[in-house]
Structures are given as C-alpha cells and as structure tokens.
Amino acid sequence: LGPMCDLLWSDPDDRGGWGISPRGAGYTFGQDISEQFNHSNSLSLISRAHQLVMEGFNWCHERNVVTIFSAPNYCYRCGNQAAIMELDDNLKYTFASPP
C-alpha cells in the first residue's frame, strides 16, 4: 500500500520540501518538490484530486499544481463548488461546473 497511499493522500503545501501530512497518511510537498517532479518527468502540470477545495478547483505552486474537486456540497454540509477539467485533442484544458 505504501506508494499508492502516498500518491492518493499527499497534498501540496506552502512550505518547501516534504512534510508530515495532517491526514495521517501521505505527505505534504512544497513548490520545490512539484517543480522538480515536473522537470524530471517533462511535465508542465500536476492535476490532482482527493482534497476539498471550495471553488471546485484551486491552483498552487505558481500554477504547477491544480487540485480539482468534483463533489459539490461535500457530505451535504461543506457548501463547496464542484469542477471538472476538460481536455481537448491538443491537451488544452478548461474548467467547468458539472451539470
């Protein structure tokens, strides 16, 4: 479960480097980590989920990472918006609210 758990539960953070996740699983990672990961893997963006964001999506790490949350009003009590990321054939993306 180690690597899969880390992949699912790790979250971006304002602090640099790696940190202990307050969730009790995974880690936190700073902008330096996301930039290094993107560079090492020839990526321009980490698109991730599994973290509540009130606007449906949220950019961080100078737009190197985007978190997308597609469940509106999570648990019928959070009042959050939902979003989906749509990709075209050229991998250009837009964000939309699900119907």
PDB file of N, CA and C in Angstrom:
ATOM      1  N   LEU A   1       0.802  -1.208   0.000  1.00  0.00           N
ATOM      2  CA  LEU A   1       0.000   0.000   0.000  1.00  0.00           C
ATOM      3  C   LEU A   1       0.841   1.266   0.000  1.00  0.00           C
ATOM      4  N   GLY A   2       2.074   1.231   0.387  1.00  0.00           N
ATOM      5  CA  GLY A   2       2.906   2.414   0.560  1.00  0.00           C
ATOM      6  C   GLY A   2       2.837   3.435  -0.562  1.00  0.00           C
ATOM      7  N   PRO A   3       3.367   3.128  -1.764  1.00  0.00           N
ATOM      8  CA  PRO A   3       3.376   4.126  -2.836  1.00  0.00           C
ATOM      9  C   PRO A   3       1.982   4.567  -3.271  1.00  0.00           C
ATOM     10  N   MET A   4       1.023   3.656  -3.328  1.00  0.00           N
ATOM     11  CA  MET A   4      -0.331   4.037  -3.731  1.00  0.00           C
ATOM     12  C   MET A   4      -0.972   4.952  -2.690  1.00  0.00           C
ATOM     13  N   CYS A   5      -0.749   4.667  -1.438  1.00  0.00           N
ATOM     14  CA  CYS A   5      -1.274   5.500  -0.357  1.00  0.00           C
ATOM     15  C   CYS A   5      -0.647   6.893  -0.430  1.00  0.00           C
ATOM     16  N   ASP A   6       0.657   6.948  -0.654  1.00  0.00           N
ATOM     17  CA  ASP A   6       1.345   8.237  -0.763  1.00  0.00           C
ATOM     18  C   ASP A   6       0.824   9.039  -1.945  1.00  0.00           C
ATOM     19  N   LEU A   7       0.594   8.377  -3.067  1.00  0.00           N
ATOM     20  CA  LEU A   7       0.092   9.055  -4.255  1.00  0.00           C
ATOM     21  C   LEU A   7      -1.300   9.626  -4.012  1.00  0.00           C
ATOM     22  N   LEU A   8      -2.155   8.876  -3.367  1.00  0.00           N
ATOM     23  CA  LEU A   8      -3.533   9.298  -3.148  1.00  0.00           C
ATOM     24  C   LEU A   8      -3.658  10.383  -2.085  1.00  0.00           C
ATOM     25  N   TRP A   9      -2.901  10.296  -1.022  1.00  0.00           N
ATOM     26  CA  TRP A   9      -3.123  11.151   0.134  1.00  0.00           C
ATOM     27  C   TRP A   9      -2.182  12.341   0.254  1.00  0.00           C
ATOM     28  N   SER A  10      -1.157  12.458  -0.546  1.00  0.00           N
ATOM     29  CA  SER A  10      -0.217  13.574  -0.416  1.00  0.00           C
ATOM     30  C   SER A  10      -0.806  14.853  -0.996  1.00  0.00           C
ATOM     31  N   ASP A  11      -0.524  15.979  -0.337  1.00  0.00           N
ATOM     32  CA  ASP A  11      -1.115  17.265  -0.695  1.00  0.00           C
ATOM     33  C   ASP A  11      -0.048  18.345  -0.847  1.00  0.00           C
ATOM     34  N   PRO A  12      -0.288  19.306  -1.748  1.00  0.00           N
ATOM     35  CA  PRO A  12       0.627  20.439  -1.861  1.00  0.00           C
ATOM     36  C   PRO A  12       0.546  21.314  -0.613  1.00  0.00           C
ATOM     37  N   ASP A  13       1.652  21.990  -0.323  1.00  0.00           N
ATOM     38  CA  ASP A  13       1.735  22.823   0.876  1.00  0.00           C
ATOM     39  C   ASP A  13       2.516  24.091   0.552  1.00  0.00           C
ATOM     40  N   ASP A  14       2.327  25.135   1.346  1.00  0.00           N
ATOM     41  CA  ASP A  14       3.058  26.390   1.147  1.00  0.00           C
ATOM     42  C   ASP A  14       4.511  26.289   1.596  1.00  0.00           C
ATOM     43  N   ARG A  15       4.814  25.345   2.471  1.00  0.00           N
ATOM     44  CA  ARG A  15       6.193  25.168   2.926  1.00  0.00           C
ATOM     45  C   ARG A  15       6.975  24.346   1.911  1.00  0.00           C
ATOM     46  N   GLY A  16       8.262  24.574   1.821  1.00  0.00           N
ATOM     47  CA  GLY A  16       9.107  23.822   0.901  1.00  0.00           C
ATOM     48  C   GLY A  16       9.391  22.420   1.409  1.00  0.00           C
ATOM     49  N   GLY A  17       9.862  21.577   0.497  1.00  0.00           N
ATOM     50  CA  GLY A  17      10.266  20.225   0.854  1.00  0.00           C
ATOM     51  C   GLY A  17       9.089  19.319   1.146  1.00  0.00           C
ATOM     52  N   TRP A  18       9.416  18.226   1.825  1.00  0.00           N
ATOM     53  CA  TRP A  18       8.411  17.240   2.226  1.00  0.00           C
ATOM     54  C   TRP A  18       8.030  17.476   3.674  1.00  0.00           C
ATOM     55  N   GLY A  19       6.794  17.175   4.026  1.00  0.00           N
ATOM     56  CA  GLY A  19       6.342  17.290   5.406  1.00  0.00           C
ATOM     57  C   GLY A  19       5.419  16.141   5.757  1.00  0.00           C
ATOM     58  N   ILE A  20       5.113  16.044   7.032  1.00  0.00           N
ATOM     59  CA  ILE A  20       4.174  15.034   7.518  1.00  0.00           C
ATOM     60  C   ILE A  20       2.757  15.542   7.250  1.00  0.00           C
ATOM     61  N   SER A  21       1.928  14.704   6.676  1.00  0.00           N
ATOM     62  CA  SER A  21       0.556  15.104   6.365  1.00  0.00           C
ATOM     63  C   SER A  21      -0.317  15.093   7.612  1.00  0.00           C
ATOM     64  N   PRO A  22      -1.125  16.131   7.798  1.00  0.00           N
ATOM     65  CA  PRO A  22      -2.057  16.117   8.933  1.00  0.00           C
ATOM     66  C   PRO A  22      -3.170  15.084   8.764  1.00  0.00           C
ATOM     67  N   ARG A  23      -3.313  14.523   7.568  1.00  0.00           N
ATOM     68  CA  ARG A  23      -4.333  13.494   7.333  1.00  0.00           C
ATOM     69  C   ARG A  23      -3.976  12.171   8.014  1.00  0.00           C
ATOM     70  N   GLY A  24      -2.701  11.993   8.337  1.00  0.00           N
ATOM     71  CA  GLY A  24      -2.265  10.734   8.930  1.00  0.00           C
ATOM     72  C   GLY A  24      -1.789   9.725   7.905  1.00  0.00           C
ATOM     73  N   ALA A  25      -1.839  10.087   6.636  1.00  0.00           N
ATOM     74  CA  ALA A  25      -1.344   9.238   5.546  1.00  0.00           C
ATOM     75  C   ALA A  25      -0.781  10.165   4.479  1.00  0.00           C
ATOM     76  N   GLY A  26       0.190   9.693   3.724  1.00  0.00           N
ATOM     77  CA  GLY A  26       0.806  10.520   2.699  1.00  0.00           C
ATOM     78  C   GLY A  26       1.698  11.588   3.308  1.00  0.00           C
ATOM     79  N   TYR A  27       2.031  12.586   2.480  1.00  0.00           N
ATOM     80  CA  TYR A  27       2.934  13.659   2.873  1.00  0.00           C
ATOM     81  C   TYR A  27       2.394  14.981   2.358  1.00  0.00           C
ATOM     82  N   THR A  28       3.031  16.058   2.764  1.00  0.00           N
ATOM     83  CA  THR A  28       2.830  17.341   2.109  1.00  0.00           C
ATOM     84  C   THR A  28       4.077  17.605   1.278  1.00  0.00           C
ATOM     85  N   PHE A  29       3.905  18.352   0.183  1.00  0.00           N
ATOM     86  CA  PHE A  29       5.051  18.669  -0.664  1.00  0.00           C
ATOM     87  C   PHE A  29       5.003  20.137  -1.068  1.00  0.00           C
ATOM     88  N   GLY A  30       6.172  20.747  -1.074  1.00  0.00           N
ATOM     89  CA  GLY A  30       6.273  22.160  -1.394  1.00  0.00           C
ATOM     90  C   GLY A  30       6.466  22.411  -2.877  1.00  0.00           C
ATOM     91  N   GLN A  31       6.494  23.705  -3.217  1.00  0.00           N
ATOM     92  CA  GLN A  31       6.661  24.098  -4.614  1.00  0.00           C
ATOM     93  C   GLN A  31       7.956  23.553  -5.199  1.00  0.00           C
ATOM     94  N   ASP A  32       9.018  23.505  -4.400  1.00  0.00           N
ATOM     95  CA  ASP A  32      10.284  22.968  -4.901  1.00  0.00           C
ATOM     96  C   ASP A  32      10.128  21.513  -5.348  1.00  0.00           C
ATOM     97  N   ILE A  33       9.327  20.749  -4.638  1.00  0.00           N
ATOM     98  CA  ILE A  33       9.120  19.341  -4.979  1.00  0.00           C
ATOM     99  C   ILE A  33       8.299  19.212  -6.256  1.00  0.00           C
ATOM    100  N   SER A  34       7.228  19.993  -6.375  1.00  0.00           N
ATOM    101  CA  SER A  34       6.402  19.894  -7.587  1.00  0.00           C
ATOM    102  C   SER A  34       7.177  20.370  -8.815  1.00  0.00           C
ATOM    103  N   GLU A  35       7.988  21.425  -8.674  1.00  0.00           N
ATOM    104  CA  GLU A  35       8.800  21.882  -9.808  1.00  0.00           C
ATOM    105  C   GLU A  35       9.816  20.828 -10.213  1.00  0.00           C
ATOM    106  N   GLN A  36      10.473  20.216  -9.237  1.00  0.00           N
ATOM    107  CA  GLN A  36      11.459  19.169  -9.525  1.00  0.00           C
ATOM    108  C   GLN A  36      10.790  17.965 -10.193  1.00  0.00           C
ATOM    109  N   PHE A  37       9.627  17.558  -9.686  1.00  0.00           N
ATOM    110  CA  PHE A  37       8.900  16.425 -10.262  1.00  0.00           C
ATOM    111  C   PHE A  37       8.499  16.719 -11.706  1.00  0.00           C
ATOM    112  N   ASN A  38       7.923  17.888 -11.948  1.00  0.00           N
ATOM    113  CA  ASN A  38       7.521  18.247 -13.310  1.00  0.00           C
ATOM    114  C   ASN A  38       8.723  18.277 -14.246  1.00  0.00           C
ATOM    115  N   HIS A  39       9.810  18.882 -13.805  1.00  0.00           N
ATOM    116  CA  HIS A  39      11.015  18.959 -14.643  1.00  0.00           C
ATOM    117  C   HIS A  39      11.569  17.563 -14.938  1.00  0.00           C
ATOM    118  N   SER A  40      11.697  16.732 -13.921  1.00  0.00           N
ATOM    119  CA  SER A  40      12.261  15.386 -14.091  1.00  0.00           C
ATOM    120  C   SER A  40      11.415  14.505 -15.002  1.00  0.00           C
ATOM    121  N   ASN A  41      10.117  14.792 -15.072  1.00  0.00           N
ATOM    122  CA  ASN A  41       9.200  13.966 -15.858  1.00  0.00           C
ATOM    123  C   ASN A  41       8.670  14.667 -17.103  1.00  0.00           C
ATOM    124  N   SER A  42       9.296  15.796 -17.461  1.00  0.00           N
ATOM    125  CA  SER A  42       8.900  16.573 -18.649  1.00  0.00           C
ATOM    126  C   SER A  42       7.409  16.911 -18.641  1.00  0.00           C
ATOM    127  N   LEU A  43       6.931  17.328 -17.484  1.00  0.00           N
ATOM    128  CA  LEU A  43       5.534  17.719 -17.322  1.00  0.00           C
ATOM    129  C   LEU A  43       5.442  19.223 -17.086  1.00  0.00           C
ATOM    130  N   SER A  44       4.292  19.781 -17.379  1.00  0.00           N
ATOM    131  CA  SER A  44       4.068  21.194 -17.073  1.00  0.00           C
ATOM    132  C   SER A  44       3.024  21.371 -15.980  1.00  0.00           C
ATOM    133  N   LEU A  45       2.333  20.288 -15.615  1.00  0.00           N
ATOM    134  CA  LEU A  45       1.241  20.415 -14.655  1.00  0.00           C
ATOM    135  C   LEU A  45       0.988  19.091 -13.941  1.00  0.00           C
ATOM    136  N   ILE A  46       0.754  19.176 -12.647  1.00  0.00           N
ATOM    137  CA  ILE A  46       0.237  18.057 -11.871  1.00  0.00           C
ATOM    138  C   ILE A  46      -1.237  18.358 -11.634  1.00  0.00           C
ATOM    139  N   SER A  47      -2.094  17.517 -12.163  1.00  0.00           N
ATOM    140  CA  SER A  47      -3.538  17.637 -11.968  1.00  0.00           C
ATOM    141  C   SER A  47      -3.947  16.561 -10.978  1.00  0.00           C
ATOM    142  N   ARG A  48      -4.532  16.959  -9.874  1.00  0.00           N
ATOM    143  CA  ARG A  48      -4.784  16.025  -8.778  1.00  0.00           C
ATOM    144  C   ARG A  48      -6.161  16.263  -8.180  1.00  0.00           C
ATOM    145  N   ALA A  49      -6.573  15.358  -7.339  1.00  0.00           N
ATOM    146  CA  ALA A  49      -7.872  15.466  -6.680  1.00  0.00           C
ATOM    147  C   ALA A  49      -7.737  14.944  -5.255  1.00  0.00           C
ATOM    148  N   HIS A  50      -8.866  14.576  -4.674  1.00  0.00           N
ATOM    149  CA  HIS A  50      -8.925  13.950  -3.357  1.00  0.00           C
ATOM    150  C   HIS A  50      -8.573  14.919  -2.239  1.00  0.00           C
ATOM    151  N   GLN A  51      -8.831  16.221  -2.475  1.00  0.00           N
ATOM    152  CA  GLN A  51      -8.657  17.236  -1.433  1.00  0.00           C
ATOM    153  C   GLN A  51      -9.729  18.296  -1.666  1.00  0.00           C
ATOM    154  N   LEU A  52     -10.524  18.566  -0.661  1.00  0.00           N
ATOM    155  CA  LEU A  52     -11.600  19.543  -0.781  1.00  0.00           C
ATOM    156  C   LEU A  52     -11.040  20.929  -1.075  1.00  0.00           C
ATOM    157  N   VAL A  53     -11.543  21.554  -2.130  1.00  0.00           N
ATOM    158  CA  VAL A  53     -11.274  22.965  -2.414  1.00  0.00           C
ATOM    159  C   VAL A  53     -12.629  23.628  -2.644  1.00  0.00           C
ATOM    160  N   MET A  54     -12.848  24.762  -2.045  1.00  0.00           N
ATOM    161  CA  MET A  54     -14.175  25.374  -2.024  1.00  0.00           C
ATOM    162  C   MET A  54     -14.653  25.843  -3.396  1.00  0.00           C
ATOM    163  N   GLU A  55     -13.731  26.221  -4.277  1.00  0.00           N
ATOM    164  CA  GLU A  55     -14.104  26.763  -5.584  1.00  0.00           C
ATOM    165  C   GLU A  55     -14.256  25.685  -6.652  1.00  0.00           C
ATOM    166  N   GLY A  56     -14.060  24.432  -6.307  1.00  0.00           N
ATOM    167  CA  GLY A  56     -14.116  23.348  -7.282  1.00  0.00           C
ATOM    168  C   GLY A  56     -12.751  23.001  -7.843  1.00  0.00           C
ATOM    169  N   PHE A  57     -11.923  24.023  -8.049  1.00  0.00           N
ATOM    170  CA  PHE A  57     -10.530  23.785  -8.428  1.00  0.00           C
ATOM    171  C   PHE A  57      -9.680  24.887  -7.829  1.00  0.00           C
ATOM    172  N   ASN A  58      -8.408  24.588  -7.620  1.00  0.00           N
ATOM    173  CA  ASN A  58      -7.509  25.551  -6.994  1.00  0.00           C
ATOM    174  C   ASN A  58      -6.094  25.353  -7.522  1.00  0.00           C
ATOM    175  N   TRP A  59      -5.493  26.444  -7.973  1.00  0.00           N
ATOM    176  CA  TRP A  59      -4.101  26.429  -8.429  1.00  0.00           C
ATOM    177  C   TRP A  59      -3.172  26.664  -7.247  1.00  0.00           C
ATOM    178  N   CYS A  60      -1.996  26.062  -7.289  1.00  0.00           N
ATOM    179  CA  CYS A  60      -0.953  26.373  -6.314  1.00  0.00           C
ATOM    180  C   CYS A  60       0.414  26.152  -6.958  1.00  0.00           C
ATOM    181  N   HIS A  61       1.440  26.492  -6.207  1.00  0.00           N
ATOM    182  CA  HIS A  61       2.825  26.331  -6.659  1.00  0.00           C
ATOM    183  C   HIS A  61       3.037  27.005  -8.020  1.00  0.00           C
ATOM    184  N   GLU A  62       2.577  28.260  -8.108  1.00  0.00           N
ATOM    185  CA  GLU A  62       2.718  29.062  -9.331  1.00  0.00           C
ATOM    186  C   GLU A  62       2.179  28.333 -10.554  1.00  0.00           C
ATOM    187  N   ARG A  63       1.012  27.721 -10.384  1.00  0.00           N
ATOM    188  CA  ARG A  63       0.284  27.020 -11.445  1.00  0.00           C
ATOM    189  C   ARG A  63       0.999  25.763 -11.942  1.00  0.00           C
ATOM    190  N   ASN A  64       1.861  25.193 -11.106  1.00  0.00           N
ATOM    191  CA  ASN A  64       2.458  23.889 -11.403  1.00  0.00           C
ATOM    192  C   ASN A  64       1.555  22.751 -10.952  1.00  0.00           C
ATOM    193  N   VAL A  65       0.606  23.050 -10.057  1.00  0.00           N
ATOM    194  CA  VAL A  65      -0.283  22.041  -9.482  1.00  0.00           C
ATOM    195  C   VAL A  65      -1.701  22.601  -9.466  1.00  0.00           C
ATOM    196  N   VAL A  66      -2.661  21.784  -9.881  1.00  0.00           N
ATOM    197  CA  VAL A  66      -4.074  22.153  -9.742  1.00  0.00           C
ATOM    198  C   VAL A  66      -4.798  21.011  -9.036  1.00  0.00           C
ATOM    199  N   THR A  67      -5.614  21.377  -8.064  1.00  0.00           N
ATOM    200  CA  THR A  67      -6.458  20.416  -7.365  1.00  0.00           C
ATOM    201  C   THR A  67      -7.880  20.591  -7.873  1.00  0.00           C
ATOM    202  N   ILE A  68      -8.510  19.493  -8.249  1.00  0.00           N
ATOM    203  CA  ILE A  68      -9.872  19.501  -8.771  1.00  0.00           C
ATOM    204  C   ILE A  68     -10.736  18.670  -7.832  1.00  0.00           C
ATOM    205  N   PHE A  69     -11.871  19.235  -7.442  1.00  0.00           N
ATOM    206  CA  PHE A  69     -12.790  18.522  -6.554  1.00  0.00           C
ATOM    207  C   PHE A  69     -14.147  18.500  -7.224  1.00  0.00           C
ATOM    208  N   SER A  70     -14.656  17.326  -7.526  1.00  0.00           N
ATOM    209  CA  SER A  70     -15.854  17.215  -8.361  1.00  0.00           C
ATOM    210  C   SER A  70     -17.124  16.855  -7.598  1.00  0.00           C
ATOM    211  N   ALA A  71     -17.086  16.885  -6.277  1.00  0.00           N
ATOM    212  CA  ALA A  71     -18.276  16.580  -5.475  1.00  0.00           C
ATOM    213  C   ALA A  71     -18.818  17.874  -4.867  1.00  0.00           C
ATOM    214  N   PRO A  72     -19.946  18.395  -5.394  1.00  0.00           N
ATOM    215  CA  PRO A  72     -20.493  19.631  -4.830  1.00  0.00           C
ATOM    216  C   PRO A  72     -21.083  19.394  -3.441  1.00  0.00           C
ATOM    217  N   ASN A  73     -20.988  20.425  -2.613  1.00  0.00           N
ATOM    218  CA  ASN A  73     -21.549  20.376  -1.258  1.00  0.00           C
ATOM    219  C   ASN A  73     -21.197  19.054  -0.578  1.00  0.00           C
ATOM    220  N   TYR A  74     -19.905  18.797  -0.488  1.00  0.00           N
ATOM    221  CA  TYR A  74     -19.369  17.534   0.016  1.00  0.00           C
ATOM    222  C   TYR A  74     -20.021  17.149   1.345  1.00  0.00           C
ATOM    223  N   CYS A  75     -20.446  15.919   1.431  1.00  0.00           N
ATOM    224  CA  CYS A  75     -21.126  15.362   2.612  1.00  0.00           C
ATOM    225  C   CYS A  75     -22.368  16.171   2.987  1.00  0.00           C
ATOM    226  N   TYR A  76     -22.938  16.863   2.022  1.00  0.00           N
ATOM    227  CA  TYR A  76     -24.150  17.665   2.212  1.00  0.00           C
ATOM    228  C   TYR A  76     -23.987  18.759   3.262  1.00  0.00           C
ATOM    229  N   ARG A  77     -22.733  19.196   3.483  1.00  0.00           N
ATOM    230  CA  ARG A  77     -22.551  20.192   4.536  1.00  0.00           C
ATOM    231  C   ARG A  77     -21.433  21.191   4.284  1.00  0.00           C
ATOM    232  N   CYS A  78     -20.593  20.978   3.271  1.00  0.00           N
ATOM    233  CA  CYS A  78     -19.424  21.844   3.096  1.00  0.00           C
ATOM    234  C   CYS A  78     -19.708  23.094   2.272  1.00  0.00           C
ATOM    235  N   GLY A  79     -20.753  23.088   1.461  1.00  0.00           N
ATOM    236  CA  GLY A  79     -21.088  24.264   0.663  1.00  0.00           C
ATOM    237  C   GLY A  79     -20.097  24.569  -0.445  1.00  0.00           C
ATOM    238  N   ASN A  80     -19.273  23.615  -0.816  1.00  0.00           N
ATOM    239  CA  ASN A  80     -18.254  23.833  -1.844  1.00  0.00           C
ATOM    240  C   ASN A  80     -18.837  23.694  -3.250  1.00  0.00           C
ATOM    241  N   GLN A  81     -18.174  24.338  -4.194  1.00  0.00           N
ATOM    242  CA  GLN A  81     -18.481  24.174  -5.606  1.00  0.00           C
ATOM    243  C   GLN A  81     -17.789  22.905  -6.101  1.00  0.00           C
ATOM    244  N   ALA A  82     -18.176  22.453  -7.271  1.00  0.00           N
ATOM    245  CA  ALA A  82     -17.522  21.312  -7.914  1.00  0.00           C
ATOM    246  C   ALA A  82     -16.976  21.763  -9.259  1.00  0.00           C
ATOM    247  N   ALA A  83     -15.981  21.053  -9.758  1.00  0.00           N
ATOM    248  CA  ALA A  83     -15.420  21.370 -11.070  1.00  0.00           C
ATOM    249  C   ALA A  83     -14.966  20.094 -11.756  1.00  0.00           C
ATOM    250  N   ILE A  84     -14.912  20.169 -13.069  1.00  0.00           N
ATOM    251  CA  ILE A  84     -14.284  19.128 -13.873  1.00  0.00           C
ATOM    252  C   ILE A  84     -13.290  19.812 -14.800  1.00  0.00           C
ATOM    253  N   MET A  85     -12.249  19.104 -15.150  1.00  0.00           N
ATOM    254  CA  MET A  85     -11.232  19.611 -16.072  1.00  0.00           C
ATOM    255  C   MET A  85     -11.456  18.927 -17.409  1.00  0.00           C
ATOM    256  N   GLU A  86     -11.695  19.722 -18.441  1.00  0.00           N
ATOM    257  CA  GLU A  86     -11.922  19.184 -19.777  1.00  0.00           C
ATOM    258  C   GLU A  86     -10.672  19.401 -20.615  1.00  0.00           C
ATOM    259  N   LEU A  87     -10.224  18.351 -21.291  1.00  0.00           N
ATOM    260  CA  LEU A  87      -9.052  18.412 -22.166  1.00  0.00           C
ATOM    261  C   LEU A  87      -9.492  18.229 -23.604  1.00  0.00           C
ATOM    262  N   ASP A  88      -8.933  19.057 -24.511  1.00  0.00           N
ATOM    263  CA  ASP A  88      -9.228  18.842 -25.924  1.00  0.00           C
ATOM    264  C   ASP A  88      -8.146  17.953 -26.543  1.00  0.00           C
ATOM    265  N   ASP A  89      -8.209  17.752 -27.842  1.00  0.00           N
ATOM    266  CA  ASP A  89      -7.262  16.862 -28.522  1.00  0.00           C
ATOM    267  C   ASP A  89      -5.820  17.352 -28.447  1.00  0.00           C
ATOM    268  N   ASN A  90      -5.625  18.650 -28.198  1.00  0.00           N
ATOM    269  CA  ASN A  90      -4.283  19.225 -28.081  1.00  0.00           C
ATOM    270  C   ASN A  90      -3.854  19.396 -26.628  1.00  0.00           C
ATOM    271  N   LEU A  91      -4.600  18.787 -25.721  1.00  0.00           N
ATOM    272  CA  LEU A  91      -4.352  18.854 -24.282  1.00  0.00           C
ATOM    273  C   LEU A  91      -4.503  20.261 -23.710  1.00  0.00           C
ATOM    274  N   LYS A  92      -5.259  21.107 -24.384  1.00  0.00           N
ATOM    275  CA  LYS A  92      -5.635  22.404 -23.822  1.00  0.00           C
ATOM    276  C   LYS A  92      -6.771  22.126 -22.845  1.00  0.00           C
ATOM    277  N   TYR A  93      -6.763  22.801 -21.708  1.00  0.00           N
ATOM    278  CA  TYR A  93      -7.750  22.493 -20.687  1.00  0.00           C
ATOM    279  C   TYR A  93      -8.622  23.697 -20.353  1.00  0.00           C
ATOM    280  N   THR A  94      -9.817  23.383 -19.933  1.00  0.00           N
ATOM    281  CA  THR A  94     -10.749  24.355 -19.375  1.00  0.00           C
ATOM    282  C   THR A  94     -11.403  23.697 -18.169  1.00  0.00           C
ATOM    283  N   PHE A  95     -11.949  24.529 -17.311  1.00  0.00           N
ATOM    284  CA  PHE A  95     -12.658  24.028 -16.138  1.00  0.00           C
ATOM    285  C   PHE A  95     -14.130  24.368 -16.278  1.00  0.00           C
ATOM    286  N   ALA A  96     -14.966  23.458 -15.846  1.00  0.00           N
ATOM    287  CA  ALA A  96     -16.410  23.665 -15.918  1.00  0.00           C
ATOM    288  C   ALA A  96     -17.051  23.103 -14.658  1.00  0.00           C
ATOM    289  N   SER A  97     -18.242  23.605 -14.380  1.00  0.00           N
ATOM    290  CA  SER A  97     -19.041  23.036 -13.296  1.00  0.00           C
ATOM    291  C   SER A  97     -19.838  21.879 -13.866  1.00  0.00           C
ATOM    292  N   PRO A  98     -19.880  20.755 -13.156  1.00  0.00           N
ATOM    293  CA  PRO A  98     -20.673  19.635 -13.671  1.00  0.00           C
ATOM    294  C   PRO A  98     -22.156  19.997 -13.693  1.00  0.00           C
ATOM    295  N   PRO A  99     -22.902  19.391 -14.615  1.00  0.00           N
ATOM    296  CA  PRO A  99     -24.342  19.697 -14.698  1.00  0.00           C
ATOM    297  C   PRO A  99     -25.090  19.242 -13.455  1.00  0.00           C
TER     298      PRO A  99
END
